[in-house]
Protein backbone atom coordinates (compact mmCIF):
# COMPACT_ATOMS: atom_id res chain seq x y z
CA MET A 1 69.06 -22.34 37.58
CA PRO A 2 72.30 -23.87 39.86
CA THR A 3 74.94 -26.12 38.41
CA GLN A 4 74.40 -30.04 38.69
CA PRO A 5 77.00 -32.26 40.68
CA PRO A 6 79.03 -34.14 38.93
CA ASN A 7 78.24 -38.04 38.74
CA SER A 8 80.12 -39.87 41.60
CA GLN A 9 81.20 -42.55 39.06
CA THR A 10 83.01 -40.09 36.85
CA PRO A 11 86.39 -39.11 38.40
CA GLN A 12 87.06 -35.78 37.72
CA PRO A 13 90.70 -34.27 36.09
CA LEU A 14 92.87 -33.94 39.02
CA SER A 15 91.30 -36.62 41.01
CA GLY A 16 93.71 -38.95 43.13
CA VAL A 17 96.21 -35.56 43.10
CA ARG A 18 96.79 -34.62 46.42
CA VAL A 19 98.47 -30.75 47.56
CA LEU A 20 99.96 -29.52 50.40
CA ASP A 21 98.93 -25.88 50.40
CA PHE A 22 101.14 -23.36 52.15
CA THR A 23 99.77 -20.29 50.62
CA ARG A 24 97.50 -17.21 51.23
CA VAL A 25 95.62 -14.04 50.62
CA LEU A 26 94.70 -14.80 46.41
CA ALA A 27 97.26 -16.05 43.86
CA GLY A 28 98.23 -19.32 45.75
CA PRO A 29 94.66 -20.06 46.85
CA TYR A 30 93.42 -18.70 43.11
CA CYS A 31 95.57 -21.48 42.03
CA THR A 32 94.64 -24.18 44.43
CA ALA A 33 91.30 -23.29 44.30
CA MET A 34 91.22 -24.05 41.00
CA MET A 35 92.92 -27.34 41.37
CA ALA A 36 90.01 -28.48 43.98
CA ASP A 37 87.69 -28.04 41.48
CA LEU A 38 88.77 -30.51 39.48
CA GLY A 39 88.60 -32.83 42.20
CA ALA A 40 92.16 -32.52 43.84
CA ASP A 41 92.32 -33.10 47.29
CA VAL A 42 94.07 -29.58 48.59
CA ILE A 43 95.00 -29.63 52.38
CA LYS A 44 95.21 -25.98 53.27
CA VAL A 45 97.81 -25.66 56.15
CA GLU A 46 97.53 -22.43 58.48
CA ALA A 47 98.94 -20.60 61.31
CA ALA A 48 96.91 -19.98 64.62
CA HIS A 49 94.89 -17.09 62.88
CA GLY A 50 94.16 -18.18 59.91
CA ASP A 51 94.69 -16.97 56.21
CA ASP A 52 94.83 -13.48 56.59
CA TYR A 53 91.56 -13.62 53.97
CA ARG A 54 89.37 -15.13 56.40
CA HIS A 55 89.76 -11.60 58.41
CA ILE A 56 89.25 -9.35 55.19
CA GLY A 57 85.54 -8.40 54.17
CA PRO A 58 82.75 -8.66 52.91
CA PHE A 59 81.93 -10.82 55.77
CA LYS A 60 78.50 -12.59 56.52
CA ASP A 61 77.77 -13.65 60.10
CA GLY A 62 81.34 -13.40 61.21
CA GLU A 63 82.69 -14.99 58.48
CA SER A 64 85.02 -13.82 55.36
CA LEU A 65 83.01 -14.16 51.38
CA LEU A 66 86.31 -13.50 50.08
CA PHE A 67 87.42 -16.28 52.23
CA GLN A 68 84.68 -18.93 51.21
CA ALA A 69 85.35 -17.75 47.39
CA ILE A 70 88.73 -18.63 46.80
CA ASN A 71 89.05 -21.50 49.17
CA ARG A 72 86.10 -23.56 48.34
CA GLY A 73 87.03 -27.19 48.10
CA LYS A 74 89.88 -27.36 50.79
CA ARG A 75 90.37 -28.60 53.79
CA SER A 76 92.15 -26.96 56.75
CA ILE A 77 94.97 -28.14 59.25
CA ALA A 78 96.60 -25.74 61.86
CA LEU A 79 100.34 -25.97 62.69
CA ASP A 80 103.33 -23.95 63.71
CA LEU A 81 105.76 -23.98 61.50
CA LYS A 82 108.12 -22.78 64.28
CA SER A 83 107.60 -26.07 65.78
CA PRO A 84 109.90 -29.08 65.26
CA ASP A 85 106.76 -31.59 65.26
CA ALA A 86 104.57 -29.63 62.81
CA ILE A 87 107.53 -29.59 60.63
CA ALA A 88 107.55 -33.69 61.04
CA THR A 89 104.13 -33.65 60.39
CA VAL A 90 104.41 -31.93 57.05
CA LYS A 91 107.64 -34.23 55.97
CA ALA A 92 105.12 -37.41 57.04
CA LEU A 93 102.09 -35.81 54.84
CA LEU A 94 104.54 -35.09 51.86
CA ALA A 95 105.15 -39.18 51.52
CA ASP A 96 101.74 -39.20 50.23
CA CYS A 97 101.32 -36.08 48.16
CA ASP A 98 102.26 -34.94 44.72
CA VAL A 99 102.38 -31.08 45.12
CA LEU A 100 103.78 -28.63 47.64
CA ILE A 101 102.63 -24.93 46.92
CA GLU A 102 103.28 -22.19 49.00
CA ASN A 103 103.46 -17.97 48.91
CA PHE A 104 105.83 -17.12 51.57
CA ARG A 105 108.88 -14.38 51.35
CA PRO A 106 111.59 -16.21 49.39
CA GLY A 107 114.04 -17.55 51.86
CA VAL A 108 111.52 -18.35 54.19
CA MET A 109 110.43 -21.84 53.53
CA GLU A 110 114.41 -22.29 53.53
CA LYS A 111 114.46 -21.35 57.14
CA LEU A 112 112.01 -23.97 58.21
CA GLY A 113 113.85 -26.65 56.41
CA LEU A 114 111.27 -27.10 53.65
CA SER A 115 112.80 -25.98 50.77
CA TYR A 116 113.03 -27.66 47.71
CA ASP A 117 116.35 -28.43 47.82
CA ALA A 118 116.06 -29.55 51.62
CA LEU A 119 113.29 -31.94 50.27
CA ALA A 120 113.70 -33.14 46.53
CA LYS A 121 116.36 -35.99 48.01
CA ASP A 122 113.97 -37.53 50.25
CA PHE A 123 110.70 -37.24 48.38
CA PRO A 124 111.77 -36.93 44.36
CA HIS A 125 108.49 -36.76 43.14
CA LEU A 126 107.34 -33.59 44.90
CA VAL A 127 105.82 -30.93 42.21
CA TYR A 128 106.93 -27.74 44.61
CA VAL A 129 105.62 -24.71 43.23
CA SER A 130 106.54 -21.06 44.54
CA VAL A 131 104.69 -17.58 44.30
CA SER A 132 106.05 -14.42 45.41
CA GLY A 133 105.90 -11.15 44.02
CA PHE A 134 108.90 -11.24 41.89
CA GLY A 135 110.64 -14.89 41.92
CA GLN A 136 112.83 -16.37 43.46
CA THR A 137 115.92 -14.35 41.55
CA GLY A 138 116.37 -10.89 40.48
CA PRO A 139 116.99 -7.63 42.34
CA ASN A 140 113.61 -7.54 43.43
CA THR A 141 113.33 -10.73 45.14
CA LYS A 142 113.08 -9.88 48.61
CA LYS A 143 110.62 -6.84 47.85
CA PRO A 144 106.92 -7.51 49.61
CA ALA A 145 104.47 -7.05 47.10
CA TYR A 146 100.56 -6.84 46.90
CA ASP A 147 98.47 -6.79 43.42
CA ILE A 148 98.93 -2.65 43.32
CA ILE A 149 102.19 -2.62 43.66
CA VAL A 150 102.79 -5.35 40.72
CA GLN A 151 100.30 -3.41 38.72
CA ALA A 152 102.72 -0.24 39.68
CA MET A 153 105.92 -2.01 38.20
CA SER A 154 104.71 -4.15 35.34
CA GLY A 155 103.51 -0.80 33.31
CA LEU A 156 99.67 -1.92 33.20
CA MET A 157 98.86 1.01 35.09
CA ASP A 158 100.63 3.14 33.42
CA ALA A 159 98.87 1.76 29.99
CA THR A 160 95.31 2.21 31.63
CA GLY A 161 93.66 5.04 31.58
CA GLU A 162 92.35 8.33 29.89
CA PRO A 163 95.36 9.51 27.68
CA ASP A 164 94.77 12.96 29.90
CA GLY A 165 94.29 11.14 33.34
CA ALA A 166 96.27 9.17 35.88
CA PRO A 167 97.79 6.01 35.61
CA THR A 168 94.27 3.75 36.27
CA MET A 169 94.47 0.42 38.50
CA VAL A 170 92.60 -1.86 36.75
CA GLY A 171 89.40 -3.35 38.41
CA GLU A 172 90.07 -6.62 39.86
CA ALA A 173 93.74 -7.64 41.30
CA LEU A 174 94.85 -9.06 37.99
CA GLY A 175 98.38 -9.57 39.24
CA ASP A 176 97.50 -11.56 41.64
CA VAL A 177 94.83 -13.86 39.34
CA ALA A 178 97.45 -13.89 36.79
CA GLY A 179 100.20 -15.27 38.83
CA GLY A 180 97.72 -18.17 40.10
CA LEU A 181 96.61 -19.10 36.63
CA PHE A 182 100.85 -19.21 35.55
CA ALA A 183 101.38 -21.84 39.12
CA ALA A 184 98.49 -23.54 37.97
CA TRP A 185 99.75 -24.10 34.69
CA GLY A 186 103.31 -24.53 35.71
CA THR A 187 101.58 -26.92 38.24
CA MET A 188 100.24 -29.42 35.70
CA VAL A 189 103.22 -28.95 33.34
CA ALA A 190 105.49 -30.01 36.16
CA LEU A 191 102.80 -32.98 37.06
CA PHE A 192 102.73 -34.34 32.93
CA ASP A 193 106.47 -33.95 33.42
CA CYS A 194 106.85 -36.19 36.64
CA SER A 195 104.57 -38.84 34.78
CA ARG A 196 106.87 -39.42 32.11
CA THR A 197 109.98 -38.56 34.55
CA GLY A 198 109.08 -39.87 37.77
CA LEU A 199 110.66 -36.62 39.32
CA GLY A 200 109.40 -33.75 40.50
CA ARG A 201 110.85 -30.53 39.44
CA HIS A 202 110.59 -26.67 41.61
CA VAL A 203 108.16 -24.52 39.47
CA ASP A 204 109.59 -20.90 40.60
CA VAL A 205 106.45 -18.18 40.01
CA ALA A 206 106.84 -13.89 40.03
CA LEU A 207 103.22 -12.12 40.08
CA PHE A 208 105.36 -9.23 38.22
CA ASP A 209 106.82 -12.15 35.46
CA GLY A 210 102.94 -13.39 34.68
CA LEU A 211 101.69 -9.51 34.72
CA VAL A 212 104.25 -8.44 32.56
CA SER A 213 103.62 -11.75 30.01
CA MET A 214 100.16 -10.95 30.14
CA MET A 215 100.10 -7.64 28.29
CA PRO A 216 101.50 -9.45 24.88
CA ILE A 217 100.48 -6.44 22.55
CA LEU A 218 102.33 -3.61 25.13
CA ALA A 219 105.42 -6.38 25.29
CA CYS A 220 105.20 -6.33 20.61
CA ARG A 221 105.07 -2.47 20.43
CA THR A 222 107.52 -2.33 23.14
CA LEU A 223 110.03 -4.82 22.70
CA MET A 224 110.25 -5.07 18.99
CA GLY A 225 108.87 -2.03 17.56
CA GLY A 226 110.42 0.19 20.06
CA GLU A 227 107.82 2.15 21.17
CA THR A 228 107.05 3.09 24.42
CA PRO A 229 103.11 2.71 24.32
CA VAL A 230 100.52 5.35 26.12
CA ARG A 231 97.74 5.51 27.39
CA THR A 232 94.57 5.45 24.91
CA GLY A 233 91.41 5.23 27.24
CA ASN A 234 88.90 2.97 25.51
CA ARG A 235 89.95 3.18 22.35
CA HIS A 236 92.52 -0.17 21.17
CA PRO A 237 95.85 1.63 20.39
CA LEU A 238 96.20 -0.25 17.35
CA SER A 239 92.75 -0.66 14.83
CA ALA A 240 89.70 1.02 14.99
CA PRO A 241 86.54 1.95 15.11
CA PHE A 242 87.70 -0.67 18.43
CA GLY A 243 86.56 0.67 21.57
CA THR A 244 83.79 2.40 23.25
CA TYR A 245 81.19 4.91 21.54
CA PRO A 246 77.94 6.69 23.06
CA ALA A 247 74.28 6.03 22.26
CA ALA A 248 71.57 8.06 23.28
CA ASP A 249 71.32 6.56 26.67
CA GLY A 250 74.89 4.78 27.40
CA HIS A 251 77.82 3.22 26.22
CA PHE A 252 78.29 0.29 24.22
CA ALA A 253 81.69 -1.76 23.23
CA LEU A 254 82.11 -2.41 19.28
CA ALA A 255 85.10 -4.41 17.83
CA VAL A 256 85.98 -3.50 13.35
CA LEU A 257 89.27 -5.71 12.99
CA ASN A 258 89.20 -6.07 9.64
CA ASP A 259 88.23 -4.27 6.23
CA ARG A 260 85.56 -6.97 5.51
CA LEU A 261 83.98 -5.83 8.91
CA PHE A 262 84.39 -1.77 8.00
CA ALA A 263 82.75 -2.14 5.04
CA THR A 264 79.68 -4.12 6.22
CA PHE A 265 80.27 -1.84 9.43
CA CYS A 266 79.53 1.02 7.16
CA ASP A 267 76.78 -0.29 5.56
CA VAL A 268 75.15 -0.27 9.04
CA ILE A 269 75.76 3.40 10.21
CA GLY A 270 74.38 4.06 6.61
CA GLN A 271 77.37 5.35 5.00
CA PRO A 272 78.96 3.38 2.74
CA GLU A 273 80.94 5.91 0.89
CA LEU A 274 83.68 5.58 3.88
CA VAL A 275 84.85 2.75 2.60
CA GLN A 276 86.47 4.67 -0.21
CA ASP A 277 87.33 7.69 1.98
CA ALA A 278 91.54 7.77 1.66
CA ARG A 279 91.08 8.53 5.70
CA PHE A 280 89.65 4.57 6.13
CA THR A 281 91.42 2.96 3.56
CA SER A 282 93.43 0.62 6.11
CA ASP A 283 93.29 -0.27 9.57
CA PRO A 284 95.92 1.76 10.58
CA LEU A 285 94.65 5.27 8.56
CA ARG A 286 91.46 4.45 10.56
CA ARG A 287 93.13 3.99 13.78
CA GLU A 288 95.34 7.24 12.40
CA ASN A 289 91.80 9.28 11.69
CA GLU A 290 90.08 7.85 14.16
CA PRO A 291 88.32 11.11 16.00
CA ALA A 292 87.23 11.89 12.35
CA LEU A 293 85.75 8.14 12.50
CA ALA A 294 84.28 8.82 15.76
CA GLU A 295 82.19 11.71 14.55
CA TYR A 296 80.01 9.60 11.82
CA ILE A 297 79.46 6.71 14.43
CA ASP A 298 78.16 9.41 17.07
CA GLN A 299 76.15 11.11 14.26
CA TRP A 300 74.59 7.46 13.32
CA ALA A 301 74.42 5.87 17.26
CA GLY A 302 73.67 9.54 18.91
CA SER A 303 69.97 9.14 18.40
CA LEU A 304 69.30 5.24 18.89
CA PRO A 305 69.22 3.45 22.38
CA VAL A 306 72.02 1.46 23.07
CA ASP A 307 69.56 -2.37 22.69
CA GLN A 308 69.16 -1.05 18.84
CA VAL A 309 72.39 -0.21 18.32
CA VAL A 310 73.64 -3.75 19.62
CA HIS A 311 70.97 -5.59 17.36
CA HIS A 312 71.74 -3.74 14.29
CA LEU A 313 75.17 -4.17 14.71
CA SER A 314 75.04 -7.89 15.98
CA ALA A 315 72.48 -8.68 12.81
CA ALA A 316 75.31 -7.72 10.42
CA GLY A 317 77.52 -10.10 12.26
CA ILE A 318 79.96 -7.02 13.97
CA PRO A 319 80.79 -7.79 16.90
CA ALA A 320 79.41 -5.34 19.58
CA SER A 321 77.92 -5.32 23.24
CA SER A 322 76.31 -2.89 25.59
CA ILE A 323 78.67 -2.40 29.52
CA GLN A 324 77.26 -4.72 31.72
CA SER A 325 77.87 -4.44 35.07
CA VAL A 326 79.62 -7.30 36.91
CA ALA A 327 76.43 -8.12 38.34
CA GLN A 328 74.71 -8.60 35.25
CA ALA A 329 77.22 -10.65 33.47
CA TRP A 330 76.88 -12.95 36.45
CA ALA A 331 73.32 -13.29 36.07
CA SER A 332 73.61 -13.49 32.28
CA PRO A 333 71.87 -16.24 30.42
CA GLN A 334 75.66 -16.60 29.09
CA ALA A 335 77.49 -17.07 32.49
CA VAL A 336 74.65 -19.43 33.91
CA GLU A 337 74.22 -21.78 31.34
CA ARG A 338 78.14 -21.99 31.11
CA GLY A 339 78.10 -22.86 35.08
CA LEU A 340 80.64 -20.32 35.97
CA ALA A 341 79.41 -20.25 39.39
CA SER A 342 77.43 -23.24 41.29
CA THR A 343 76.01 -24.01 45.13
CA VAL A 344 77.60 -25.05 47.86
CA THR A 345 76.64 -25.62 51.24
CA HIS A 346 78.00 -24.50 54.85
CA PRO A 347 77.50 -25.62 58.18
CA ASP A 348 76.30 -21.81 59.36
CA LEU A 349 76.06 -19.78 56.33
CA GLY A 350 73.30 -21.89 54.68
CA VAL A 351 73.70 -22.07 50.28
CA LEU A 352 76.31 -19.94 48.36
CA ASN A 353 77.00 -19.59 45.54
CA VAL A 354 80.51 -19.96 44.56
CA PRO A 355 82.39 -19.60 41.28
CA GLU A 356 84.00 -22.48 39.31
CA GLN A 357 87.01 -22.63 37.67
CA PRO A 358 86.20 -21.93 33.95
CA VAL A 359 86.68 -24.50 31.83
CA HIS A 360 84.83 -27.68 30.61
CA PHE A 361 86.30 -30.99 30.60
CA ASN A 362 83.96 -33.36 28.33
CA GLY A 363 82.60 -36.08 30.88
CA ALA A 364 83.33 -34.05 33.94
CA GLY A 365 80.35 -32.82 35.79
CA ARG A 366 80.59 -29.38 37.62
CA GLY A 367 79.12 -28.55 41.04
CA GLY A 368 78.90 -30.71 43.35
CA ARG A 369 81.85 -29.01 45.68
CA LYS A 370 82.45 -28.52 49.40
CA PRO A 371 82.80 -24.82 50.86
CA ALA A 372 85.69 -23.47 52.50
CA PRO A 373 86.76 -25.20 55.92
CA ALA A 374 86.60 -23.24 59.45
CA LEU A 375 90.42 -23.50 60.37
CA ASN A 376 91.86 -26.69 61.70
CA ALA A 377 88.47 -28.22 60.58
CA ASP A 378 90.09 -30.80 59.31
CA ALA A 379 93.11 -31.75 61.60
CA GLY A 380 92.14 -35.01 62.92
CA ASP A 381 91.12 -36.23 59.43
CA ILE A 382 94.58 -34.81 57.74
CA LEU A 383 96.46 -36.53 61.10
CA ASN A 384 94.73 -39.62 60.41
CA LEU A 385 96.09 -40.10 56.59
CA LEU A 386 99.21 -41.09 58.19
CA ASN A 387 97.88 -44.07 59.80
CA LYS A 388 97.22 -45.04 56.01
CA GLU A 389 99.37 -47.06 54.05
CA PRO A 390 100.26 -44.48 50.91
CA ARG A 391 98.32 -43.93 47.55
CA ALA A 392 99.20 -46.44 44.87
């Protein structure tokens, strides 16, 4: 069921916030897409050839669906930032903007005369967000980075995969997404601070920093425990039984994190005596002896279909699930009820089902958004802003 559009009389949480968005590809556009979902006016500044994602598939009727997903709800203007006239236009637009966000290589905005230091004197209210692979400081600041590079350098790839297999890239551009999330979080913090002080800030976001910080368990084991974590495949590194196990017709996921749940689990699989087994009397011991514990699980689940295994475990209050495909997850009643996607109407592609930011705010509806813009489609309306009185 498509998500209903928000009530036009109810302002969205970011209504009235205007963002001048110089970002392209994924991390920065992911950040500003979430802001547009919540009512921000996001003005996407592109070069004459457009965002690189306009040229990356999958395609439908010549349009990139990836671009449509990540740039929903924005407006587009094409500017040649090497032109003094374009720089003058940018500065004129900034007079009525709350946020500037960019993800050029460190130093590029300075060469264009658009660095934070260059703009802060004239626009002291401006929240200026820089998103890059490694941040504005540090030995790697000038290095180029895509998601796979950040995954490789962060330790995530080394920690992912089977114990005797190769380091494995996770199945989504998590480094870019983490950077986009922290950019959005940093923007909100700086906007809140500006509401109190009247002054903006420079927010420096690095994809590397974000992804390293998104691994708190690995951080704890490394920084505080002195460990060098190794790959554990589909088993939790610290707890058991906590992972994926085979059933008669597939695999299921299981999470038992404490002694109470373990006792219940033992009853479900018909092995209540395991609670008193010296090998399994604590979570660390269960993890140490997980191969022996897995044999009991295999004996019980191996003759049952996945849906029955999950039913028995869930009925007893034990977290368990089948392994869903991405398509199954998006089509699930839970995803539909939560409005994780909603429809937009594109002038050429028709109705598209696109993702929406996942946080629910009471009083703010979901859906009712606009599609991603054609290149330079909104230049006239955006330039007309220069002839209007600034917002209050």
